[in-house]
């Protein structure tokens, strides 16, 4: 599976799960307001937060796959001599590695 296919899979799934999780959080709050037993609304709220966080994780993975797609499969497009170090630094940051800060040269 290519980085583009992963990006096009993970990003929409993540956004869908984020929306579903947000709706479920509201539903759990409504259950609490309706004075249902605490075990029910706590379980609903926990499930809602699991779905919401899973969506954020999937969307983050989609962003990572897009960066990989831009770096590896389209090296000529969008990666110019000016912004290529910045894109590479962001990629390393997303992978958990720390790159040296890129100094921007401001010439007028």
N, C-alpha and C. Protein backbone atom coordinates (compact mmCIF):
# COMPACT_ATOMS: atom_id res chain seq x y z
N UNK A 1 0.85 -1.18 0.00
CA UNK A 1 0.00 0.00 0.00
C UNK A 1 0.89 1.24 0.00
N UNK A 2 0.63 2.16 -0.89
CA UNK A 2 1.46 3.35 -1.00
C UNK A 2 1.13 4.35 0.11
N UNK A 3 2.02 5.32 0.28
CA UNK A 3 1.78 6.36 1.29
C UNK A 3 0.52 7.16 0.94
N UNK A 4 0.29 7.38 -0.35
CA UNK A 4 -0.90 8.13 -0.75
C UNK A 4 -2.17 7.36 -0.39
N UNK A 5 -2.18 6.06 -0.65
CA UNK A 5 -3.36 5.26 -0.31
C UNK A 5 -3.60 5.23 1.19
N UNK A 6 -2.52 5.14 1.97
CA UNK A 6 -2.67 5.15 3.43
C UNK A 6 -3.20 6.50 3.90
N UNK A 7 -2.68 7.57 3.30
CA UNK A 7 -3.13 8.92 3.65
C UNK A 7 -4.62 9.06 3.35
N UNK A 8 -5.04 8.60 2.15
CA UNK A 8 -6.44 8.72 1.76
C UNK A 8 -7.36 7.78 2.53
N UNK A 9 -6.81 6.80 3.21
CA UNK A 9 -7.59 5.91 4.06
C UNK A 9 -7.68 6.44 5.49
N UNK A 10 -6.52 6.78 6.07
CA UNK A 10 -6.48 7.15 7.49
C UNK A 10 -7.11 8.51 7.78
N UNK A 11 -6.89 9.50 6.92
CA UNK A 11 -7.40 10.84 7.21
C UNK A 11 -8.93 10.88 7.27
N UNK A 12 -9.66 10.36 6.27
CA UNK A 12 -11.12 10.40 6.39
C UNK A 12 -11.66 9.52 7.53
N UNK A 13 -11.03 8.36 7.74
CA UNK A 13 -11.47 7.52 8.87
C UNK A 13 -11.27 8.25 10.20
N UNK A 14 -10.14 8.93 10.31
CA UNK A 14 -9.88 9.68 11.53
C UNK A 14 -10.88 10.79 11.75
N UNK A 15 -11.20 11.54 10.69
CA UNK A 15 -12.18 12.62 10.83
C UNK A 15 -13.56 12.07 11.18
N UNK A 16 -13.90 10.93 10.59
CA UNK A 16 -15.19 10.31 10.91
C UNK A 16 -15.24 9.87 12.37
N UNK A 17 -14.17 9.26 12.84
CA UNK A 17 -14.13 8.81 14.24
C UNK A 17 -14.11 9.99 15.20
N UNK A 18 -13.46 11.08 14.83
CA UNK A 18 -13.47 12.27 15.69
C UNK A 18 -14.89 12.81 15.81
N UNK A 19 -15.60 12.89 14.69
CA UNK A 19 -16.99 13.36 14.73
C UNK A 19 -17.88 12.44 15.55
N UNK A 20 -17.71 11.13 15.36
CA UNK A 20 -18.52 10.18 16.12
C UNK A 20 -18.20 10.27 17.61
N UNK A 21 -16.93 10.38 17.95
CA UNK A 21 -16.54 10.49 19.35
C UNK A 21 -17.07 11.75 20.00
N UNK A 22 -17.05 12.86 19.25
CA UNK A 22 -17.59 14.12 19.80
C UNK A 22 -19.09 14.00 20.06
N UNK A 23 -19.79 13.36 19.14
CA UNK A 23 -21.24 13.15 19.34
C UNK A 23 -21.49 12.24 20.53
N UNK A 24 -20.67 11.22 20.69
CA UNK A 24 -20.84 10.30 21.81
C UNK A 24 -20.55 10.99 23.15
N UNK A 25 -19.59 11.91 23.16
CA UNK A 25 -19.31 12.67 24.39
C UNK A 25 -20.55 13.47 24.78
N UNK A 26 -21.18 14.11 23.80
CA UNK A 26 -22.39 14.88 24.08
C UNK A 26 -23.50 13.96 24.57
N UNK A 27 -23.61 12.79 23.98
CA UNK A 27 -24.63 11.81 24.39
C UNK A 27 -24.40 11.38 25.85
N UNK A 28 -23.13 11.13 26.20
CA UNK A 28 -22.83 10.73 27.59
C UNK A 28 -23.17 11.86 28.56
N UNK A 29 -22.90 13.10 28.15
CA UNK A 29 -23.28 14.24 28.99
C UNK A 29 -24.79 14.34 29.15
N UNK A 30 -25.50 14.05 28.08
CA UNK A 30 -26.97 14.06 28.15
C UNK A 30 -27.47 12.97 29.10
N UNK A 31 -26.84 11.80 29.05
CA UNK A 31 -27.22 10.73 29.99
C UNK A 31 -27.03 11.18 31.43
N UNK A 32 -25.95 11.88 31.69
CA UNK A 32 -25.70 12.37 33.05
C UNK A 32 -26.76 13.38 33.47
N UNK A 33 -27.13 14.28 32.54
CA UNK A 33 -28.16 15.27 32.84
C UNK A 33 -29.53 14.64 33.09
N UNK A 34 -29.78 13.50 32.47
CA UNK A 34 -31.06 12.80 32.63
C UNK A 34 -31.10 11.95 33.91
N UNK A 35 -30.03 12.01 34.69
CA UNK A 35 -29.95 11.31 35.98
C UNK A 35 -30.03 9.79 35.85
N UNK A 36 -29.43 9.24 34.78
CA UNK A 36 -29.34 7.78 34.67
C UNK A 36 -28.25 7.31 35.64
N UNK A 37 -28.22 6.04 35.97
CA UNK A 37 -27.20 5.55 36.90
C UNK A 37 -25.78 5.88 36.40
N UNK A 38 -24.92 6.16 37.37
CA UNK A 38 -23.57 6.60 37.04
C UNK A 38 -22.81 5.57 36.22
N UNK A 39 -23.04 4.30 36.47
CA UNK A 39 -22.30 3.28 35.71
C UNK A 39 -22.60 3.37 34.22
N UNK A 40 -23.80 3.78 33.86
CA UNK A 40 -24.17 3.87 32.44
C UNK A 40 -23.51 5.07 31.76
N UNK A 41 -23.60 6.28 32.36
CA UNK A 41 -23.03 7.43 31.69
C UNK A 41 -21.51 7.44 31.77
N UNK A 42 -20.93 6.84 32.82
CA UNK A 42 -19.47 6.74 32.88
C UNK A 42 -18.96 5.78 31.80
N UNK A 43 -19.66 4.67 31.61
CA UNK A 43 -19.28 3.72 30.56
C UNK A 43 -19.43 4.37 29.18
N UNK A 44 -20.52 5.11 28.99
CA UNK A 44 -20.73 5.79 27.71
C UNK A 44 -19.66 6.85 27.46
N UNK A 45 -19.33 7.60 28.49
CA UNK A 45 -18.29 8.63 28.36
C UNK A 45 -16.93 8.03 28.09
N UNK A 46 -16.63 6.91 28.72
CA UNK A 46 -15.35 6.24 28.49
C UNK A 46 -15.27 5.74 27.05
N UNK A 47 -16.34 5.12 26.58
CA UNK A 47 -16.36 4.65 25.18
C UNK A 47 -16.24 5.83 24.22
N UNK A 48 -16.89 6.94 24.56
CA UNK A 48 -16.82 8.13 23.70
C UNK A 48 -15.40 8.66 23.61
N UNK A 49 -14.70 8.70 24.72
CA UNK A 49 -13.33 9.19 24.71
C UNK A 49 -12.40 8.24 23.97
N UNK A 50 -12.67 6.95 24.06
CA UNK A 50 -11.87 5.97 23.30
C UNK A 50 -12.04 6.21 21.80
N UNK A 51 -13.27 6.40 21.35
CA UNK A 51 -13.52 6.64 19.93
C UNK A 51 -12.91 7.96 19.49
N UNK A 52 -13.06 9.00 20.30
CA UNK A 52 -12.49 10.31 19.96
C UNK A 52 -10.97 10.25 19.85
N UNK A 53 -10.31 9.62 20.81
CA UNK A 53 -8.85 9.52 20.78
C UNK A 53 -8.38 8.62 19.65
N UNK A 54 -9.12 7.57 19.33
CA UNK A 54 -8.76 6.72 18.19
C UNK A 54 -8.84 7.53 16.89
N UNK A 55 -9.85 8.37 16.79
CA UNK A 55 -9.97 9.23 15.61
C UNK A 55 -8.82 10.20 15.49
N UNK A 56 -8.40 10.76 16.60
CA UNK A 56 -7.25 11.68 16.56
C UNK A 56 -5.99 10.94 16.15
N UNK A 57 -5.84 9.73 16.63
CA UNK A 57 -4.68 8.92 16.27
C UNK A 57 -4.69 8.58 14.78
N UNK A 58 -5.85 8.16 14.27
CA UNK A 58 -5.95 7.84 12.85
C UNK A 58 -5.69 9.06 11.98
N UNK A 59 -6.23 10.20 12.37
CA UNK A 59 -6.01 11.41 11.59
C UNK A 59 -4.54 11.82 11.62
N UNK A 60 -3.91 11.68 12.78
CA UNK A 60 -2.48 11.97 12.87
C UNK A 60 -1.66 11.06 11.98
N UNK A 61 -2.05 9.80 11.92
CA UNK A 61 -1.37 8.86 11.03
C UNK A 61 -1.56 9.26 9.57
N UNK A 62 -2.75 9.76 9.25
CA UNK A 62 -3.00 10.25 7.90
C UNK A 62 -2.10 11.42 7.54
N UNK A 63 -1.89 12.32 8.49
CA UNK A 63 -0.98 13.44 8.26
C UNK A 63 0.44 12.94 8.04
N UNK A 64 0.86 11.99 8.85
CA UNK A 64 2.21 11.42 8.70
C UNK A 64 2.37 10.78 7.33
N UNK A 65 1.37 10.05 6.87
CA UNK A 65 1.45 9.41 5.57
C UNK A 65 1.48 10.45 4.45
N UNK A 66 0.79 11.57 4.63
CA UNK A 66 0.85 12.62 3.61
C UNK A 66 2.25 13.21 3.53
N UNK A 67 2.87 13.44 4.67
CA UNK A 67 4.23 13.97 4.67
C UNK A 67 5.18 12.98 4.00
N UNK A 68 5.04 11.70 4.32
CA UNK A 68 5.87 10.69 3.68
C UNK A 68 5.63 10.66 2.17
N UNK A 69 4.38 10.81 1.77
CA UNK A 69 4.04 10.84 0.34
C UNK A 69 4.74 12.01 -0.33
N UNK A 70 4.67 13.18 0.30
CA UNK A 70 5.28 14.37 -0.29
C UNK A 70 6.80 14.25 -0.34
N UNK A 71 7.40 13.62 0.64
CA UNK A 71 8.85 13.50 0.66
C UNK A 71 9.39 12.43 -0.28
N UNK A 72 8.70 11.30 -0.35
CA UNK A 72 9.26 10.16 -1.08
C UNK A 72 8.71 9.99 -2.49
N UNK A 73 7.45 10.26 -2.69
CA UNK A 73 6.86 9.98 -3.99
C UNK A 73 6.75 11.19 -4.89
N UNK A 74 6.92 12.36 -4.35
CA UNK A 74 6.88 13.58 -5.14
C UNK A 74 8.06 14.47 -4.78
N UNK A 75 9.29 14.04 -4.99
CA UNK A 75 10.42 14.86 -4.56
C UNK A 75 10.57 16.16 -5.34
N UNK A 76 10.07 16.22 -6.56
CA UNK A 76 10.24 17.42 -7.36
C UNK A 76 9.16 18.45 -7.14
N UNK A 77 7.96 18.00 -6.79
CA UNK A 77 6.83 18.91 -6.62
C UNK A 77 6.72 19.38 -5.18
N UNK A 78 6.69 20.67 -4.98
CA UNK A 78 6.47 21.20 -3.66
C UNK A 78 7.70 21.24 -2.77
N UNK A 79 8.71 20.48 -3.08
CA UNK A 79 9.93 20.49 -2.28
C UNK A 79 10.99 21.26 -3.04
N UNK A 80 11.05 22.54 -2.79
CA UNK A 80 12.05 23.37 -3.44
C UNK A 80 13.28 23.46 -2.57
N UNK A 81 14.28 24.11 -3.07
CA UNK A 81 15.52 24.25 -2.30
C UNK A 81 15.27 25.08 -1.04
N UNK A 82 14.25 25.94 -1.06
CA UNK A 82 13.97 26.79 0.09
C UNK A 82 13.24 26.03 1.18
N UNK A 83 12.18 25.26 0.82
CA UNK A 83 11.36 24.66 1.87
C UNK A 83 11.67 23.20 2.14
N UNK A 84 12.55 22.57 1.39
CA UNK A 84 12.84 21.16 1.62
C UNK A 84 13.41 20.90 3.02
N UNK A 85 14.34 21.72 3.55
CA UNK A 85 14.81 21.46 4.92
C UNK A 85 13.70 21.57 5.95
N UNK A 86 12.76 22.47 5.76
CA UNK A 86 11.67 22.63 6.71
C UNK A 86 10.76 21.40 6.68
N UNK A 87 10.46 20.89 5.48
CA UNK A 87 9.62 19.70 5.36
C UNK A 87 10.33 18.51 5.98
N UNK A 88 11.63 18.38 5.74
CA UNK A 88 12.39 17.27 6.33
C UNK A 88 12.42 17.37 7.85
N UNK A 89 12.53 18.58 8.38
CA UNK A 89 12.54 18.75 9.83
C UNK A 89 11.19 18.35 10.43
N UNK A 90 10.09 18.72 9.77
CA UNK A 90 8.77 18.34 10.25
C UNK A 90 8.60 16.83 10.21
N UNK A 91 9.12 16.20 9.16
CA UNK A 91 9.03 14.74 9.04
C UNK A 91 9.77 14.06 10.18
N UNK A 92 10.97 14.55 10.50
CA UNK A 92 11.73 13.96 11.59
C UNK A 92 11.03 14.18 12.92
N UNK A 93 10.39 15.33 13.08
CA UNK A 93 9.66 15.60 14.31
C UNK A 93 8.49 14.64 14.44
N UNK A 94 7.77 14.36 13.34
CA UNK A 94 6.65 13.45 13.39
C UNK A 94 7.09 12.02 13.70
N UNK A 95 8.30 11.66 13.29
CA UNK A 95 8.80 10.31 13.55
C UNK A 95 9.37 10.18 14.96
N UNK A 96 9.44 11.29 15.71
CA UNK A 96 9.93 11.23 17.07
C UNK A 96 11.41 11.55 17.19
N UNK A 97 12.02 11.91 16.08
CA UNK A 97 13.43 12.31 16.12
C UNK A 97 13.49 13.82 16.12
N UNK A 98 14.53 14.34 16.73
CA UNK A 98 14.67 15.79 16.78
C UNK A 98 15.77 16.22 15.84
N UNK A 99 15.41 17.12 14.96
CA UNK A 99 16.38 17.65 14.02
C UNK A 99 16.89 19.00 14.53
N UNK A 100 18.02 19.38 14.03
CA UNK A 100 18.54 20.69 14.37
C UNK A 100 17.59 21.75 13.79
N UNK A 101 17.39 22.84 14.50
CA UNK A 101 16.48 23.85 13.97
C UNK A 101 17.00 24.43 12.67
N UNK A 102 16.10 24.67 11.76
CA UNK A 102 16.46 25.25 10.46
C UNK A 102 16.34 26.75 10.59
N UNK A 103 17.42 27.44 10.30
CA UNK A 103 17.41 28.89 10.39
C UNK A 103 16.89 29.45 9.07
N UNK A 104 15.94 30.32 9.16
CA UNK A 104 15.39 30.94 7.95
C UNK A 104 16.23 32.16 7.60
N UNK A 105 16.65 32.21 6.39
CA UNK A 105 17.43 33.37 5.95
C UNK A 105 16.48 34.38 5.38
N UNK A 106 16.49 35.55 5.93
CA UNK A 106 15.61 36.62 5.49
C UNK A 106 16.43 37.62 4.69
N UNK A 107 16.46 37.47 3.41
CA UNK A 107 17.20 38.40 2.55
C UNK A 107 16.19 39.27 1.84
N UNK A 108 16.52 40.52 1.74
CA UNK A 108 15.60 41.44 1.08
C UNK A 108 16.25 42.05 -0.12
